């Protein structure tokens, strides 16, 4: 599909600046987040999306992994929580997702977290787009006010999780260069949608600078 290769190591910083500059609303949370009450969510960075041999390979997933890994190290270094999600559906639990996609993720190599991702935190398995749906995530986020979101796909699992986090009364920080999807157009559309009513949109570098 055209647009799959919209990110490269050379253009990601320039692209990110352009996305942030183009947001119609540049709202920021008034409260400065602290490491002690913040968590990093790494959404679905699995082989099905990040492995070059996968039929659902997204080149941008590998590009953003560099920024995600840097954030993981910062959260670990400062004693903050990091939670990874894997999207997996069991036989008989396909629901309308199976009808929509005609293809779902089963346990196995495609469901495993990508080798290029630094896994230094808890891992949960989810059966639907939202990381909160039928998981222990909300319990794991007890006393956590701020949720930083990275991973794939921007407009599907990342955005759905961001919206649910906001509804659950967490402040949402959504990373423009720590998330990716099938095209730049779809990615930017998601960022523009979230910036209005759900999340502060920022770069991974800015995320580190915001935390104290």
Protein backbone atom coordinates (compact mmCIF):
# COMPACT_ATOMS: atom_id res chain seq x y z
CA UNK A 1 0.00 0.00 0.00
CA UNK A 2 1.35 3.44 -0.86
CA UNK A 3 2.62 5.30 2.17
CA UNK A 4 3.98 2.34 4.11
CA UNK A 5 7.51 3.72 3.89
CA UNK A 6 6.73 7.24 5.07
CA UNK A 7 9.37 7.21 7.83
CA UNK A 8 13.14 6.82 7.70
CA UNK A 9 15.85 7.35 10.32
CA UNK A 10 16.84 10.46 8.37
CA UNK A 11 13.41 12.13 8.11
CA UNK A 12 11.66 11.19 11.36
CA UNK A 13 12.67 14.35 13.26
CA UNK A 14 11.62 16.65 10.43
CA UNK A 15 8.39 14.74 9.90
CA UNK A 16 7.60 14.93 13.61
CA UNK A 17 8.13 18.69 13.72
CA UNK A 18 5.80 19.07 10.74
CA UNK A 19 3.09 16.95 12.37
CA UNK A 20 3.27 18.85 15.65
CA UNK A 21 3.25 22.22 13.87
CA UNK A 22 0.17 21.22 11.85
CA UNK A 23 -2.00 20.25 14.83
CA UNK A 24 -5.08 22.48 14.95
CA UNK A 25 -5.02 22.48 18.77
CA UNK A 26 -1.80 22.43 20.79
CA UNK A 27 -3.21 21.83 24.24
CA UNK A 28 -0.92 20.83 27.12
CA UNK A 29 -1.75 19.44 30.52
CA UNK A 30 -1.27 22.13 33.17
CA UNK A 31 0.09 19.64 35.69
CA UNK A 32 3.73 18.63 35.22
CA UNK A 33 3.89 14.81 35.23
CA UNK A 34 6.30 13.08 37.58
CA UNK A 35 8.09 9.78 37.09
CA UNK A 36 6.45 8.41 40.23
CA UNK A 37 2.89 8.74 38.93
CA UNK A 38 3.47 8.03 35.24
CA UNK A 39 3.51 4.87 33.13
CA UNK A 40 4.70 4.11 29.62
CA UNK A 41 2.48 1.91 27.45
CA UNK A 42 4.13 0.14 24.52
CA UNK A 43 1.28 -1.06 22.33
CA UNK A 44 1.53 -4.19 20.14
CA UNK A 45 5.14 -3.93 18.97
CA UNK A 46 4.91 -7.54 17.79
CA UNK A 47 6.52 -9.51 14.98
CA UNK A 48 3.29 -9.34 12.99
CA UNK A 49 3.93 -5.62 12.50
CA UNK A 50 7.68 -5.19 12.97
CA UNK A 51 9.16 -8.30 11.34
CA UNK A 52 10.07 -7.82 7.69
CA UNK A 53 8.86 -11.32 6.82
CA UNK A 54 5.34 -10.68 8.11
CA UNK A 55 2.45 -10.11 5.70
CA UNK A 56 1.42 -7.19 7.93
CA UNK A 57 4.88 -5.64 8.17
CA UNK A 58 4.95 -1.89 8.81
CA UNK A 59 8.38 -0.40 8.05
CA UNK A 60 7.59 2.57 10.30
CA UNK A 61 7.33 0.23 13.30
CA UNK A 62 11.06 -0.46 13.18
CA UNK A 63 11.84 3.25 12.79
CA UNK A 64 9.89 4.32 15.87
CA UNK A 65 11.39 1.50 17.95
CA UNK A 66 14.52 3.59 18.48
CA UNK A 67 12.51 6.30 20.19
CA UNK A 68 10.46 3.79 22.15
CA UNK A 69 13.58 2.05 23.45
CA UNK A 70 15.01 5.40 24.61
CA UNK A 71 11.83 6.12 26.53
CA UNK A 72 11.84 2.63 28.03
CA UNK A 73 15.36 3.19 29.33
CA UNK A 74 14.40 6.58 30.81
CA UNK A 75 11.32 5.17 32.55
CA UNK A 76 13.34 2.24 33.91
CA UNK A 77 16.16 4.50 35.06
CA UNK A 78 13.74 6.71 36.97
CA UNK A 79 11.76 3.87 38.52
CA UNK A 80 8.61 4.45 36.46
CA UNK A 81 6.38 1.68 35.21
CA UNK A 82 6.57 0.27 31.67
CA UNK A 83 3.79 -1.97 30.34
CA UNK A 84 3.83 -3.78 27.00
CA UNK A 85 0.78 -5.17 25.24
CA UNK A 86 0.42 -8.05 22.81
CA UNK A 87 -2.69 -8.43 20.67
CA UNK A 88 -3.78 -12.09 20.53
CA UNK A 89 -7.15 -13.73 19.91
CA UNK A 90 -8.03 -17.29 20.84
CA UNK A 91 -10.04 -19.68 18.72
CA UNK A 92 -13.71 -18.79 19.02
CA UNK A 93 -12.99 -15.26 20.27
CA UNK A 94 -12.61 -13.56 16.91
CA UNK A 95 -15.77 -11.48 17.24
CA UNK A 96 -16.46 -8.83 14.63
CA UNK A 97 -12.71 -8.22 14.31
CA UNK A 98 -12.39 -11.56 12.57
CA UNK A 99 -15.19 -10.61 10.21
CA UNK A 100 -13.72 -7.16 9.53
CA UNK A 101 -10.13 -8.27 8.90
CA UNK A 102 -10.56 -11.86 7.78
CA UNK A 103 -7.26 -12.42 9.57
CA UNK A 104 -6.42 -12.38 13.26
CA UNK A 105 -3.32 -12.81 15.42
CA UNK A 106 -2.92 -16.20 17.11
CA UNK A 107 -0.32 -17.23 19.66
CA UNK A 108 2.99 -18.02 17.99
CA UNK A 109 5.92 -16.17 16.50
CA UNK A 110 3.81 -13.41 14.94
CA UNK A 111 2.30 -12.61 18.34
CA UNK A 112 5.66 -12.34 20.11
CA UNK A 113 7.23 -8.97 20.86
CA UNK A 114 9.75 -7.95 18.21
CA UNK A 115 13.40 -8.74 18.95
CA UNK A 116 14.43 -5.14 18.24
CA UNK A 117 12.32 -3.93 21.13
CA UNK A 118 13.89 -3.62 24.56
CA UNK A 119 11.45 -5.40 26.86
CA UNK A 120 11.98 -4.14 30.40
CA UNK A 121 8.58 -4.22 32.08
CA UNK A 122 5.30 -6.06 32.42
CA UNK A 123 3.63 -7.70 29.41
CA UNK A 124 -0.13 -8.14 29.09
CA UNK A 125 -2.18 -9.85 26.39
CA UNK A 126 -5.30 -8.19 25.02
CA UNK A 127 -8.02 -9.58 22.71
CA UNK A 128 -9.36 -6.27 21.37
CA UNK A 129 -8.11 -2.84 20.29
CA UNK A 130 -8.24 -1.27 23.75
CA UNK A 131 -5.52 -2.33 26.17
CA UNK A 132 -8.07 -1.93 28.96
CA UNK A 133 -10.62 -4.37 27.55
CA UNK A 134 -10.60 -7.70 29.44
CA UNK A 135 -7.13 -7.09 30.89
CA UNK A 136 -5.69 -6.09 34.29
CA UNK A 137 -4.33 -2.81 32.93
CA UNK A 138 -6.51 -0.48 34.99
CA UNK A 139 -5.54 -2.35 38.16
CA UNK A 140 -1.88 -2.09 37.14
CA UNK A 141 -2.31 1.67 36.72
CA UNK A 142 -3.56 2.19 40.26
CA UNK A 143 -2.10 5.50 41.57
CA UNK A 144 -0.88 6.33 38.04
CA UNK A 145 -2.18 9.68 36.81
CA UNK A 146 -0.25 10.02 33.56
CA UNK A 147 -0.13 7.55 30.69
CA UNK A 148 2.39 7.91 27.86
CA UNK A 149 1.45 5.98 24.73
CA UNK A 150 3.73 4.46 22.10
CA UNK A 151 3.44 1.60 19.63
CA UNK A 152 1.25 0.54 16.71
CA UNK A 153 -1.11 1.17 15.06
CA UNK A 154 -1.59 4.87 15.74
CA UNK A 155 -5.21 5.03 14.64
CA UNK A 156 -6.39 1.67 15.94
CA UNK A 157 -5.03 0.15 19.16
CA UNK A 158 -3.02 3.20 20.24
CA UNK A 159 -5.85 5.66 19.69
CA UNK A 160 -8.50 3.37 21.20
CA UNK A 161 -6.34 2.86 24.28
CA UNK A 162 -5.68 6.61 24.55
CA UNK A 163 -9.38 7.38 24.48
CA UNK A 164 -10.16 4.76 27.12
CA UNK A 165 -7.30 5.99 29.33
CA UNK A 166 -8.76 9.49 29.21
CA UNK A 167 -12.24 8.17 30.02
CA UNK A 168 -10.69 6.33 32.98
CA UNK A 169 -9.33 9.70 34.22
CA UNK A 170 -5.69 9.30 33.26
CA UNK A 171 -3.89 12.22 31.65
CA UNK A 172 -2.84 11.01 28.20
CA UNK A 173 0.45 11.91 26.53
CA UNK A 174 0.52 10.57 22.98
CA UNK A 175 3.88 10.39 21.21
CA UNK A 176 3.90 11.52 17.58
CA UNK A 177 7.23 9.83 16.81
CA UNK A 178 6.68 6.84 19.09
CA UNK A 179 3.60 5.61 17.22
CA UNK A 180 3.10 4.50 13.62
CA UNK A 181 0.52 3.16 11.20
CA UNK A 182 -0.07 2.31 7.53
CA UNK A 183 0.49 5.80 6.11
CA UNK A 184 1.46 9.34 7.04
CA UNK A 185 -2.03 10.55 6.14
CA UNK A 186 -3.72 8.15 8.54
CA UNK A 187 -1.13 8.81 11.27
CA UNK A 188 -1.58 12.57 11.11
CA UNK A 189 -5.36 12.25 11.00
CA UNK A 190 -5.27 10.32 14.27
CA UNK A 191 -3.00 12.88 15.94
CA UNK A 192 -5.32 15.70 14.88
CA UNK A 193 -8.34 13.86 16.23
CA UNK A 194 -6.76 13.10 19.60
CA UNK A 195 -5.38 16.60 20.18
CA UNK A 196 -8.86 18.08 20.46
CA UNK A 197 -10.40 16.13 23.29
CA UNK A 198 -8.14 13.41 24.60
CA UNK A 199 -4.38 13.86 24.64
CA UNK A 200 -1.35 16.08 24.67
CA UNK A 201 0.53 15.26 21.48
CA UNK A 202 4.30 15.49 21.77
CA UNK A 203 7.57 13.96 20.62
CA UNK A 204 9.37 11.29 22.62
CA UNK A 205 12.11 13.81 23.41
CA UNK A 206 9.53 16.25 24.70
CA UNK A 207 7.98 13.48 26.79
CA UNK A 208 11.24 13.05 28.65
CA UNK A 209 11.56 16.79 29.11
CA UNK A 210 8.03 17.03 30.51
CA UNK A 211 8.71 14.44 33.21
CA UNK A 212 10.27 15.48 36.48
